[in-house]
Amino acid sequence: MKSALSFCRFSAVTLIMLSSSLCVYAESIQEPVASGTFYPAEPGALGQQIDGYLSVADPAKVDGDIVALISPHAGYIYSGPIAAYGFKEISGRRYDTVIIIGPSHRLVFDGAAVLGKDYYETPLGKVPIDRVFEERLIRAEKATIRKDPRVYADEHSIEVQIPFLQRSLKDFMIVPVVIGRPDYVTCRAVARGVAKTAKGSGKKVLIIASTDLSHYLKYNDALIRDQATLSEMLNYDPMRFARKVAEGECELCGSAPVITAMLACSELGADRISLLKYANSGDTAGDKSRVVGYGSLVIYKTEENEMLDTAQKKVLLEIARKTIESCIRQEKIPEFDVTDPGLMREEGAFVTLHKDGQLRGCIGNIIGRQPLYLTVRDMAVESATGDPRFAPVQAGELKDINIEISVLSEPERVTDLSKIKMGVHGVIVKCGYRSGVFLPQVADETGWSRDEFLSNLCEGKAGLPADAWKDKKTELYTFMAQVFSEGKR
C-alpha cells in the first residue's frame, strides 16, 4: 500500500548524492517513473481506468473561468476517483499551457526546479513541455527557480496528473515545477514568476497544485484533520494558510504547491475557491485503519470579475499597438473612432511593455478621467516614450515589444477591513490632501499581512502616520485589475 498510496513523507536522510553519472537525464524525453505502480503501464488499461473515473465523477458546475486545480497524487486506485472531479470540470475547456506544481518527496533542496526537457512521456503518449514559458519563468525568478532534471528522477507528484490531462484536454503543453523546502518565501517567488510569465505569454494557462491531505491516521481522525485543512484552504488566504500549516493545524504534503497556486491565482484575478470532492483511501480502497485524505478543489474567476470581453480586449490592444507605432515612426498620435459603450466608460488603466520577457516601460492612471480607449492610447504613448526608468522605445524594437494592458475597476469605498483581499485588491488611502496607492500585486511581491500592507501604504506612499488607516477620518478604497496582453511576438 505504501508505494502506491503516498510518498508524502520525507525519509530521514534524503539528500541523495547526485553524481556525474546522471548526465543521462539531459535527454529530451522524461520517461515515466510511476507507471506500473501508481497507475497501469498498459495504455488501454490506463485509459479505461481514467475514463471510468471521469464517467462517474459528477462535480457541481463551476460558473466561471477556472484558473487552477488542487488535485491529489496518490495511486489511482486510492485517489483517482477524487482527482477525476477536477479533471471532469475542465474537460472541454481550452488551455494552452498547464503548469503542474508538485512537492519534492525524495530530495531536499532550496527553491524550485523545472524539468528542462522537450517531452514528458506516459503510457498514453508524449506531452510537449512549453520550453519558452519555462525559460521565461526561470528568468522571472532566477534566484529561486532553476533547471534541474535530476529532481524528477524518482518524483511522482507531477507525473500522476499528466494521464488525467491527456484524457481531459487537447492540444496543450505543460510546465512541471517541483518545489523543494516548503517555505513561504519560495512559494511567493514561484507564484510571482508564474503570474508574471502567464500574463506576458498571451496564453490560456491552467495551474495544478499537486497534494494529498492527512497521512496514515485512523478514519475518523482523518476526517476531523482534513476538514480543518480544507476549511482553511477555502478561506483563500495563503498567508494565513501557510501559518496554520506551520503551526500544525493543517496537514498536507503539498502545502507549498497549494500556497503557490493561491498566491498566483490571486494575482491572476481568480477570486473564488470551491471544494468539488473529498474522500480518503478508506472510502476508495476499503482499509480504514490507516488512511490518506484527498481533496479536489478549483480556484476560479467569476464572470463579474471580467470587465471586458474578448473583442473589447482585442480593440484596446490594437489601439495601443497602432498608437505606439505611429508615435515612434511618424511622431503622430492617431485618432480612433470608437463607439463601444464598454470602451467609453471612464476607467483607469496601465499599459506595460515587455521586450524578451523583461520590463520595457509601464505608465498608467489609477482613476479614469476620460474614456477607457483614450486612457489606453495616452498611456501607450507614455509607456513607450515617457517612463523615466527607460530610454524611449526605438523603431527597431517595435517587432520585439509585447503590450500588456491592465484595466482597473472603479474604486469602491470600504469600511470593513475584512473585505480587503490581499493579492486581489489594490488599495487607495486618502486623508485630507494626502493619498497613496498600492496595486494588487504589491501584496504578493512583499508577503505583507493586511495590516503591514495598509501601514506601508499610509507611511510609504501617502506620507501619513503608519497607523493612519485606523483613523475614522482616513478613507480606504479598493479596486481590481483585469490584465491581458498580445502574447508572443
Protein backbone atom coordinates (compact mmCIF):
# COMPACT_ATOMS: atom_id res chain seq x y z
CA MET A 1 0.00 0.00 0.00
CA LYS A 2 2.80 2.39 0.83
CA SER A 3 4.35 2.60 -2.64
CA ALA A 4 1.13 3.49 -4.42
CA LEU A 5 -0.82 5.16 -1.58
CA SER A 6 1.55 8.03 -0.97
CA PHE A 7 5.18 9.04 -0.64
CA CYS A 8 4.29 12.32 1.00
CA ARG A 9 6.74 11.98 3.91
CA PHE A 10 10.40 12.87 3.62
CA SER A 11 12.57 9.96 4.69
CA ALA A 12 15.12 10.57 7.44
CA VAL A 13 18.01 11.26 5.11
CA THR A 14 17.02 12.08 1.56
CA LEU A 15 19.91 14.21 0.42
CA ILE A 16 20.96 11.98 -2.44
CA MET A 17 24.42 12.43 -3.88
CA LEU A 18 23.87 13.43 -7.50
CA SER A 19 26.94 12.27 -9.37
CA SER A 20 28.07 12.95 -12.90
CA SER A 21 26.70 9.54 -13.86
CA LEU A 22 23.23 11.13 -14.01
CA CYS A 23 24.07 13.03 -17.18
CA VAL A 24 21.69 10.67 -18.97
CA TYR A 25 18.82 12.91 -17.80
CA ALA A 26 19.95 15.57 -20.25
CA GLU A 27 17.99 13.76 -22.98
CA SER A 28 14.88 15.48 -24.29
CA ILE A 29 12.24 12.98 -23.11
CA GLN A 30 11.32 12.42 -19.47
CA GLU A 31 10.35 8.78 -19.11
CA PRO A 32 7.63 7.83 -16.59
CA VAL A 33 8.73 6.74 -13.11
CA ALA A 34 5.29 5.92 -11.64
CA SER A 35 3.99 3.77 -14.50
CA GLY A 36 3.06 0.29 -13.30
CA THR A 37 2.94 1.33 -9.62
CA PHE A 38 0.76 4.39 -9.26
CA TYR A 39 -1.20 3.67 -12.43
CA PRO A 40 -1.35 0.93 -15.11
CA ALA A 41 1.57 0.68 -17.52
CA GLU A 42 -0.55 -0.67 -20.36
CA PRO A 43 -2.13 2.18 -22.38
CA GLY A 44 -5.51 0.52 -22.86
CA ALA A 45 -5.91 -0.32 -19.19
CA LEU A 46 -4.79 3.17 -18.13
CA GLY A 47 -7.17 4.95 -20.48
CA GLN A 48 -10.03 2.70 -19.45
CA GLN A 49 -9.37 3.32 -15.75
CA ILE A 50 -9.27 7.11 -16.11
CA ASP A 51 -12.33 7.20 -18.37
CA GLY A 52 -14.18 5.11 -15.80
CA TYR A 53 -13.37 7.60 -13.04
CA LEU A 54 -14.35 10.55 -15.25
CA SER A 55 -17.68 8.96 -16.22
CA VAL A 56 -18.68 8.54 -12.57
CA ALA A 57 -17.47 11.94 -11.33
CA ASP A 58 -20.32 14.44 -11.07
CA PRO A 59 -18.95 17.80 -9.90
CA ALA A 60 -21.18 20.82 -9.42
CA LYS A 61 -20.78 23.12 -12.42
CA VAL A 62 -18.34 25.97 -11.80
CA ASP A 63 -19.73 29.19 -13.21
CA GLY A 64 -16.53 30.99 -14.02
CA ASP A 65 -13.05 30.79 -15.52
CA ILE A 66 -11.09 28.00 -13.83
CA VAL A 67 -7.51 29.15 -13.19
CA ALA A 68 -6.28 26.27 -11.01
CA LEU A 69 -6.99 22.76 -9.77
CA ILE A 70 -5.86 21.33 -6.45
CA SER A 71 -5.54 17.63 -7.14
CA PRO A 72 -4.32 14.51 -5.25
CA HIS A 73 -1.35 12.48 -6.42
CA ALA A 74 -1.54 9.03 -4.82
CA GLY A 75 -2.02 5.74 -6.64
CA TYR A 76 -5.06 5.88 -8.87
CA ILE A 77 -7.00 3.16 -7.00
CA TYR A 78 -6.81 5.39 -3.94
CA SER A 79 -7.07 8.98 -5.20
CA GLY A 80 -8.18 8.61 -8.83
CA PRO A 81 -11.93 8.82 -8.14
CA ILE A 82 -11.41 12.14 -6.30
CA ALA A 83 -8.96 13.60 -8.82
CA ALA A 84 -11.48 12.88 -11.57
CA TYR A 85 -13.81 15.57 -10.21
CA GLY A 86 -11.35 18.34 -11.02
CA PHE A 87 -10.42 16.98 -14.42
CA LYS A 88 -14.08 16.40 -15.30
CA GLU A 89 -14.66 20.09 -14.52
CA ILE A 90 -12.03 21.25 -17.04
CA SER A 91 -12.93 18.72 -19.75
CA GLY A 92 -13.81 20.54 -22.95
CA ARG A 93 -12.20 23.81 -21.85
CA ARG A 94 -9.21 25.19 -23.72
CA TYR A 95 -5.82 25.65 -22.09
CA ASP A 96 -2.58 26.29 -23.96
CA THR A 97 -0.18 25.63 -21.08
CA VAL A 98 -0.72 23.70 -17.85
CA ILE A 99 1.70 24.48 -15.00
CA ILE A 100 1.90 21.46 -12.70
CA ILE A 101 3.38 22.31 -9.30
CA GLY A 102 4.32 19.44 -7.01
CA PRO A 103 6.26 18.87 -3.79
CA SER A 104 9.57 17.03 -3.67
CA HIS A 105 9.21 13.69 -1.89
CA ARG A 106 12.74 12.35 -2.29
CA LEU A 107 15.15 15.28 -2.42
CA VAL A 108 15.58 18.17 -0.02
CA PHE A 109 16.65 21.37 -1.80
CA ASP A 110 16.08 25.11 -1.73
CA GLY A 111 13.92 26.87 -4.30
CA ALA A 112 12.13 25.18 -7.19
CA ALA A 113 13.20 23.13 -10.20
CA VAL A 114 11.76 22.90 -13.69
CA LEU A 115 12.45 19.89 -15.89
CA GLY A 116 14.28 21.35 -18.89
CA LYS A 117 13.28 18.65 -21.38
CA ASP A 118 11.16 18.62 -24.51
CA TYR A 119 8.56 15.99 -23.59
CA TYR A 120 7.10 14.14 -20.63
CA GLU A 121 6.10 10.63 -21.59
CA THR A 122 3.36 8.44 -20.10
CA PRO A 123 1.83 5.21 -21.46
CA LEU A 124 -0.73 7.43 -23.23
CA GLY A 125 1.98 9.21 -25.24
CA LYS A 126 4.31 12.19 -25.08
CA VAL A 127 3.19 15.60 -23.84
CA PRO A 128 5.24 18.60 -25.08
CA ILE A 129 6.81 20.87 -22.49
CA ASP A 130 6.44 24.61 -23.08
CA ARG A 131 10.14 25.42 -23.16
CA VAL A 132 9.55 29.12 -23.96
CA PHE A 133 7.32 29.54 -20.90
CA GLU A 134 9.81 27.55 -18.84
CA GLU A 135 12.76 29.76 -19.83
CA ARG A 136 10.80 32.95 -19.15
CA LEU A 137 9.75 31.57 -15.77
CA ILE A 138 13.39 30.98 -14.87
CA ARG A 139 14.34 34.49 -15.96
CA ALA A 140 11.47 35.97 -13.96
CA GLU A 141 12.68 34.42 -10.68
CA LYS A 142 16.22 33.24 -11.40
CA ALA A 143 17.20 33.44 -7.72
CA THR A 144 14.59 30.81 -6.87
CA ILE A 145 13.81 28.72 -9.98
CA ARG A 146 16.41 26.64 -11.80
CA LYS A 147 16.51 23.88 -14.38
CA ASP A 148 17.32 20.52 -12.81
CA PRO A 149 16.01 17.27 -14.38
CA ARG A 150 17.63 15.23 -11.60
CA VAL A 151 14.86 16.32 -9.23
CA TYR A 152 12.41 14.37 -11.42
CA ALA A 153 14.36 11.09 -11.42
CA ASP A 154 12.08 9.46 -8.82
CA GLU A 155 9.28 12.02 -8.31
CA HIS A 156 5.62 11.09 -8.90
CA SER A 157 3.71 14.20 -7.81
CA ILE A 158 3.89 15.81 -11.26
CA GLU A 159 3.59 12.68 -13.35
CA VAL A 160 0.34 11.29 -11.92
CA GLN A 161 -1.53 14.43 -13.08
CA ILE A 162 -0.48 14.04 -16.71
CA PRO A 163 -2.53 10.98 -17.82
CA PHE A 164 -5.67 12.67 -16.47
CA LEU A 165 -4.80 15.75 -18.52
CA GLN A 166 -4.28 13.58 -21.60
CA ARG A 167 -7.83 12.23 -21.28
CA SER A 168 -9.37 15.62 -20.47
CA LEU A 169 -7.71 18.24 -22.72
CA LYS A 170 -6.50 18.60 -26.29
CA ASP A 171 -3.53 20.45 -27.79
CA PHE A 172 -1.85 21.55 -24.58
CA MET A 173 1.70 21.81 -23.26
CA ILE A 174 2.91 21.51 -19.69
CA VAL A 175 5.46 23.18 -17.42
CA PRO A 176 6.44 20.92 -14.50
CA VAL A 177 7.64 22.70 -11.34
CA VAL A 178 8.85 20.86 -8.22
CA ILE A 179 9.27 22.89 -5.03
CA GLY A 180 11.91 21.80 -2.51
CA ARG A 181 11.64 23.14 1.03
CA PRO A 182 8.09 24.41 1.60
CA ASP A 183 8.87 27.90 2.92
CA TYR A 184 6.61 30.87 2.26
CA VAL A 185 9.33 32.99 0.64
CA THR A 186 9.88 30.31 -2.02
CA CYS A 187 6.14 29.96 -2.60
CA ARG A 188 5.77 33.71 -3.05
CA ALA A 189 8.67 33.89 -5.51
CA VAL A 190 7.42 30.97 -7.63
CA ALA A 191 3.87 32.39 -7.61
CA ARG A 192 5.17 35.79 -8.67
CA GLY A 193 7.10 34.21 -11.53
CA VAL A 194 4.16 32.09 -12.66
CA ALA A 195 1.74 35.02 -12.63
CA LYS A 196 4.15 37.36 -14.41
CA THR A 197 5.03 34.81 -17.07
CA ALA A 198 1.40 33.83 -17.60
CA LYS A 199 0.35 37.47 -18.02
CA GLY A 200 3.08 38.11 -20.57
CA SER A 201 2.61 34.88 -22.53
CA GLY A 202 -0.72 35.66 -24.15
CA LYS A 203 -1.73 32.05 -23.46
CA LYS A 204 -4.61 30.46 -21.61
CA VAL A 205 -2.92 28.98 -18.55
CA LEU A 206 -4.09 26.40 -16.00
CA ILE A 207 -2.26 25.76 -12.72
CA ILE A 208 -2.40 22.38 -10.97
CA ALA A 209 -1.29 22.14 -7.33
CA SER A 210 -0.49 18.50 -6.55
CA THR A 211 -1.14 17.39 -2.96
CA ASP A 212 -2.64 14.78 -0.69
CA LEU A 213 -4.09 15.66 2.73
CA SER A 214 -3.56 13.88 6.08
CA HIS A 215 -1.44 10.73 6.20
CA TYR A 216 -1.98 7.38 7.91
CA LEU A 217 -4.49 8.46 10.55
CA LYS A 218 -7.44 6.39 11.66
CA TYR A 219 -10.50 7.01 9.53
CA ASN A 220 -12.44 9.28 11.93
CA ASP A 221 -9.31 11.16 12.99
CA ALA A 222 -8.53 11.79 9.32
CA LEU A 223 -12.00 13.23 8.72
CA ILE A 224 -11.51 15.76 11.51
CA ARG A 225 -7.99 16.75 10.44
CA ASP A 226 -8.87 17.02 6.76
CA GLN A 227 -11.94 19.12 7.50
CA ALA A 228 -9.75 21.59 9.36
CA THR A 229 -7.30 21.73 6.45
CA LEU A 230 -9.99 22.12 3.79
CA SER A 231 -11.75 24.83 5.80
CA GLU A 232 -8.55 26.87 5.88
CA MET A 233 -7.97 26.30 2.17
CA LEU A 234 -11.49 27.55 1.45
CA ASN A 235 -10.71 30.78 3.31
CA TYR A 236 -8.46 31.56 0.32
CA ASP A 237 -5.92 33.41 2.45
CA PRO A 238 -2.49 31.99 1.51
CA MET A 239 -0.53 33.72 4.27
CA ARG A 240 -2.94 32.58 6.97
CA PHE A 241 -2.99 29.08 5.47
CA ALA A 242 0.82 28.93 5.49
CA ARG A 243 0.82 29.91 9.14
CA LYS A 244 -1.75 27.24 10.01
CA VAL A 245 0.36 24.62 8.23
CA ALA A 246 3.48 25.74 10.10
CA GLU A 247 1.60 25.58 13.41
CA GLY A 248 0.45 22.03 12.68
CA GLU A 249 -3.26 22.84 12.48
CA CYS A 250 -3.40 21.76 8.83
CA GLU A 251 -1.81 18.68 7.31
CA LEU A 252 -0.97 18.11 3.66
CA CYS A 253 2.18 17.04 1.86
CA GLY A 254 1.84 19.62 -0.91
CA SER A 255 1.44 22.75 1.19
CA ALA A 256 3.97 24.60 -0.98
CA PRO A 257 2.15 23.89 -4.28
CA VAL A 258 -1.19 24.90 -2.74
CA ILE A 259 0.13 28.14 -1.24
CA THR A 260 1.91 28.94 -4.51
CA ALA A 261 -1.26 28.31 -6.52
CA MET A 262 -3.31 30.52 -4.20
CA LEU A 263 -0.84 33.38 -4.48
CA ALA A 264 -0.51 33.10 -8.27
CA CYS A 265 -4.27 32.80 -8.80
CA SER A 266 -4.93 35.88 -6.70
CA GLU A 267 -2.54 37.86 -8.86
CA LEU A 268 -4.23 36.47 -11.98
CA GLY A 269 -7.61 37.72 -10.77
CA ALA A 270 -9.16 34.49 -9.51
CA ASP A 271 -11.45 35.36 -6.61
CA ARG A 272 -13.16 32.09 -5.62
CA ILE A 273 -12.21 28.61 -4.42
CA SER A 274 -14.58 25.64 -4.21
CA LEU A 275 -14.36 22.04 -3.00
CA LEU A 276 -15.59 19.57 -5.60
CA LYS A 277 -14.99 16.32 -3.73
CA TYR A 278 -13.38 14.95 -0.59
CA ALA A 279 -12.74 11.33 0.41
CA ASN A 280 -9.91 9.27 1.81
CA SER A 281 -8.36 5.91 0.99
CA GLY A 282 -10.73 4.24 3.44
CA ASP A 283 -13.61 5.32 1.20
CA THR A 284 -11.97 4.34 -2.09
CA ALA A 285 -9.89 1.26 -1.18
CA GLY A 286 -11.69 -0.01 1.91
CA ASP A 287 -8.97 -0.18 4.58
CA LYS A 288 -9.95 2.34 7.27
CA SER A 289 -7.20 1.57 9.79
CA ARG A 290 -4.61 3.94 8.27
CA VAL A 291 -5.90 6.31 5.62
CA VAL A 292 -4.68 9.17 3.43
CA GLY A 293 -7.00 12.09 2.65
CA TYR A 294 -7.69 13.53 -0.80
CA GLY A 295 -9.42 16.68 -1.98
CA SER A 296 -10.30 18.03 -5.41
CA LEU A 297 -10.72 21.81 -5.49
CA VAL A 298 -10.89 24.56 -8.10
CA ILE A 299 -9.78 28.19 -7.96
CA TYR A 300 -11.65 30.32 -10.44
CA LYS A 301 -12.55 33.78 -11.66
CA THR A 302 -16.21 34.81 -11.53
CA GLU A 303 -17.88 36.42 -14.51
CA GLU A 304 -18.49 39.71 -12.70
CA ASN A 305 -14.73 40.00 -12.31
CA GLU A 306 -14.39 40.27 -16.11
CA MET A 307 -14.82 43.92 -17.02
CA LEU A 308 -14.14 43.44 -20.75
CA ASP A 309 -14.93 40.69 -23.23
CA THR A 310 -12.51 39.20 -25.77
CA ALA A 311 -13.47 41.58 -28.58
CA GLN A 312 -13.02 44.64 -26.37
CA LYS A 313 -9.61 43.46 -25.22
CA LYS A 314 -8.57 42.99 -28.85
CA VAL A 315 -9.63 46.53 -29.75
CA LEU A 316 -7.67 48.05 -26.87
CA LEU A 317 -4.55 46.07 -27.76
CA GLU A 318 -4.85 47.22 -31.40
CA ILE A 319 -5.24 50.82 -30.25
CA ALA A 320 -2.13 50.55 -28.07
CA ARG A 321 -0.10 48.91 -30.86
CA LYS A 322 -1.12 51.38 -33.57
CA THR A 323 -0.56 54.33 -31.26
CA ILE A 324 2.96 53.29 -30.28
CA GLU A 325 3.97 52.55 -33.87
CA SER A 326 2.53 55.84 -35.17
CA CYS A 327 4.07 57.84 -32.34
CA ILE A 328 7.55 56.40 -32.85
CA ARG A 329 7.63 56.10 -36.63
CA GLN A 330 5.62 59.19 -37.60
CA GLU A 331 5.70 61.27 -34.40
CA LYS A 332 1.92 61.45 -34.60
CA ILE A 333 -0.77 60.28 -32.16
CA PRO A 334 -3.61 58.70 -34.17
CA GLU A 335 -7.34 59.25 -33.74
CA PHE A 336 -9.75 56.33 -33.29
CA ASP A 337 -13.46 56.03 -33.99
CA VAL A 338 -14.78 54.04 -31.01
CA THR A 339 -18.48 53.66 -30.22
CA ASP A 340 -18.48 50.57 -27.95
CA PRO A 341 -20.07 51.70 -24.64
CA GLY A 342 -17.75 49.40 -22.71
CA LEU A 343 -14.73 51.27 -24.07
CA MET A 344 -16.31 54.67 -23.49
CA ARG A 345 -16.51 54.23 -19.71
CA GLU A 346 -14.12 56.32 -17.66
CA GLU A 347 -11.82 53.71 -16.15
CA GLY A 348 -8.21 53.68 -15.07
CA ALA A 349 -5.64 51.66 -16.97
CA PHE A 350 -1.94 50.84 -17.17
CA VAL A 351 -0.02 49.97 -20.32
CA THR A 352 3.04 47.78 -19.76
CA LEU A 353 5.66 46.95 -22.36
CA HIS A 354 7.91 43.89 -22.29
CA LYS A 355 10.84 43.01 -24.52
CA ASP A 356 12.25 39.48 -24.41
CA GLY A 357 10.32 38.92 -21.20
CA GLN A 358 11.81 41.99 -19.48
CA LEU A 359 10.03 45.18 -18.47
CA ARG A 360 10.50 47.95 -21.07
CA GLY A 361 8.03 50.55 -19.81
CA CYS A 362 4.92 50.93 -17.65
CA ILE A 363 2.75 54.01 -17.11
CA GLY A 364 -0.90 54.32 -16.10
CA ASN A 365 -3.72 56.18 -14.37
CA ILE A 366 -5.43 54.68 -11.34
CA ILE A 367 -8.54 56.83 -11.70
CA GLY A 368 -10.27 57.11 -15.06
CA ARG A 369 -10.71 60.71 -16.19
CA GLN A 370 -11.58 60.08 -19.84
CA PRO A 371 -12.96 57.20 -21.94
CA LEU A 372 -11.04 53.97 -21.43
CA TYR A 373 -9.84 53.72 -25.03
CA LEU A 374 -8.31 57.21 -24.76
CA THR A 375 -6.64 56.34 -21.47
CA VAL A 376 -5.10 53.30 -23.14
CA ARG A 377 -4.00 55.38 -26.12
CA ASP A 378 -2.36 58.03 -23.96
CA MET A 379 -0.75 55.56 -21.56
CA ALA A 380 0.64 53.63 -24.53
CA VAL A 381 2.46 56.80 -25.61
CA GLU A 382 3.75 57.43 -22.10
CA SER A 383 4.92 53.85 -21.52
CA ALA A 384 6.86 53.88 -24.80
CA THR A 385 8.38 57.35 -24.52
CA GLY A 386 7.86 58.76 -21.03
CA ASP A 387 8.85 56.15 -18.46
CA PRO A 388 11.83 57.78 -16.71
CA ARG A 389 13.37 54.39 -15.95
CA PHE A 390 13.96 53.60 -19.63
CA ALA A 391 15.11 55.25 -22.83
CA PRO A 392 12.30 55.80 -25.36
CA VAL A 393 11.41 52.76 -27.48
CA GLN A 394 13.09 52.84 -30.88
CA ALA A 395 11.54 51.84 -34.22
CA GLY A 396 13.83 48.82 -34.49
CA GLU A 397 12.45 47.44 -31.24
CA LEU A 398 8.77 47.50 -32.17
CA LYS A 399 8.67 43.97 -33.57
CA ASP A 400 10.00 42.62 -30.25
CA ILE A 401 7.72 44.63 -27.95
CA ASN A 402 4.84 42.84 -26.23
CA ILE A 403 1.98 45.03 -24.98
CA GLU A 404 0.08 44.28 -21.78
CA ILE A 405 -2.93 46.29 -20.60
CA SER A 406 -4.32 46.40 -17.07
CA VAL A 407 -7.82 47.83 -16.82
CA LEU A 408 -8.79 48.91 -13.32
CA SER A 409 -12.25 48.70 -11.85
CA GLU A 410 -13.84 51.79 -10.33
CA PRO A 411 -12.58 52.22 -6.76
CA GLU A 412 -15.10 51.40 -4.04
CA ARG A 413 -15.12 52.81 -0.52
CA VAL A 414 -14.52 50.11 2.08
CA THR A 415 -15.09 50.36 5.83
CA ASP A 416 -14.91 46.67 6.72
CA LEU A 417 -11.22 45.75 6.52
CA SER A 418 -12.07 42.05 6.23
CA LYS A 419 -13.35 42.83 2.73
CA ILE A 420 -9.81 43.70 1.55
CA LYS A 421 -8.35 40.58 -0.09
CA MET A 422 -4.58 40.54 -0.35
CA GLY A 423 -3.35 39.89 -3.88
CA VAL A 424 -6.81 40.55 -5.32
CA HIS A 425 -7.49 44.16 -4.36
CA GLY A 426 -5.47 47.27 -4.92
CA VAL A 427 -5.99 49.89 -2.23
CA ILE A 428 -6.16 53.70 -2.28
CA VAL A 429 -5.76 55.62 1.00
CA LYS A 430 -6.91 59.22 1.39
CA CYS A 431 -6.73 61.58 4.34
CA GLY A 432 -7.04 65.32 3.78
CA TYR A 433 -4.83 66.29 0.85
CA ARG A 434 -2.65 63.19 1.12
CA SER A 435 -3.23 59.95 -0.76
CA GLY A 436 -1.38 56.84 -1.89
CA VAL A 437 -1.99 53.73 -3.95
CA PHE A 438 -0.78 50.12 -3.95
CA LEU A 439 -1.62 47.84 -6.89
CA PRO A 440 -2.93 44.31 -6.12
CA GLN A 441 0.37 42.60 -6.87
CA VAL A 442 2.21 44.50 -4.10
CA ALA A 443 0.85 42.08 -1.50
CA ASP A 444 2.26 39.07 -3.36
CA GLU A 445 5.59 40.74 -4.06
CA THR A 446 6.17 41.71 -0.41
CA GLY A 447 4.37 38.98 1.51
CA TRP A 448 2.90 41.61 3.82
CA SER A 449 -0.10 40.89 6.01
CA ARG A 450 -3.12 43.15 5.56
CA ASP A 451 -2.06 45.35 8.48
CA GLU A 452 1.52 45.64 7.14
CA PHE A 453 0.15 46.41 3.68
CA LEU A 454 -2.01 49.25 5.00
CA SER A 455 0.71 50.62 7.28
CA ASN A 456 3.25 50.75 4.46
CA LEU A 457 0.66 52.29 2.15
CA CYS A 458 -0.06 55.07 4.62
CA GLU A 459 3.53 55.80 5.58
CA GLY A 460 5.44 54.98 2.40
CA LYS A 461 3.04 56.16 -0.30
CA ALA A 462 0.82 58.79 1.31
CA GLY A 463 3.22 60.32 3.82
CA LEU A 464 0.77 59.65 6.65
CA PRO A 465 1.44 58.05 10.03
CA ALA A 466 1.75 54.28 9.68
CA ASP A 467 -1.41 53.68 11.70
CA ALA A 468 -3.49 56.31 9.88
CA TRP A 469 -5.63 53.57 8.35
CA LYS A 470 -7.12 53.03 11.82
CA ASP A 471 -8.31 56.65 11.97
CA LYS A 472 -12.01 57.12 11.15
CA LYS A 473 -11.11 60.22 9.12
CA THR A 474 -9.00 58.13 6.73
CA GLU A 475 -10.76 56.83 3.62
CA LEU A 476 -9.88 53.47 2.05
CA TYR A 477 -10.91 52.39 -1.45
CA THR A 478 -10.37 49.05 -3.20
CA PHE A 479 -10.16 48.21 -6.89
CA MET A 480 -9.37 45.18 -9.05
CA ALA A 481 -7.40 44.77 -12.28
CA GLN A 482 -8.13 42.84 -15.47
CA VAL A 483 -4.83 42.07 -17.21
CA PHE A 484 -4.41 40.91 -20.83
CA SER A 485 -1.68 41.02 -23.47
CA GLU A 486 -0.83 40.43 -27.11
CA GLY A 487 1.02 37.21 -26.39
CA LYS A 488 4.23 36.11 -28.05
CA ARG A 489 5.50 38.20 -30.97
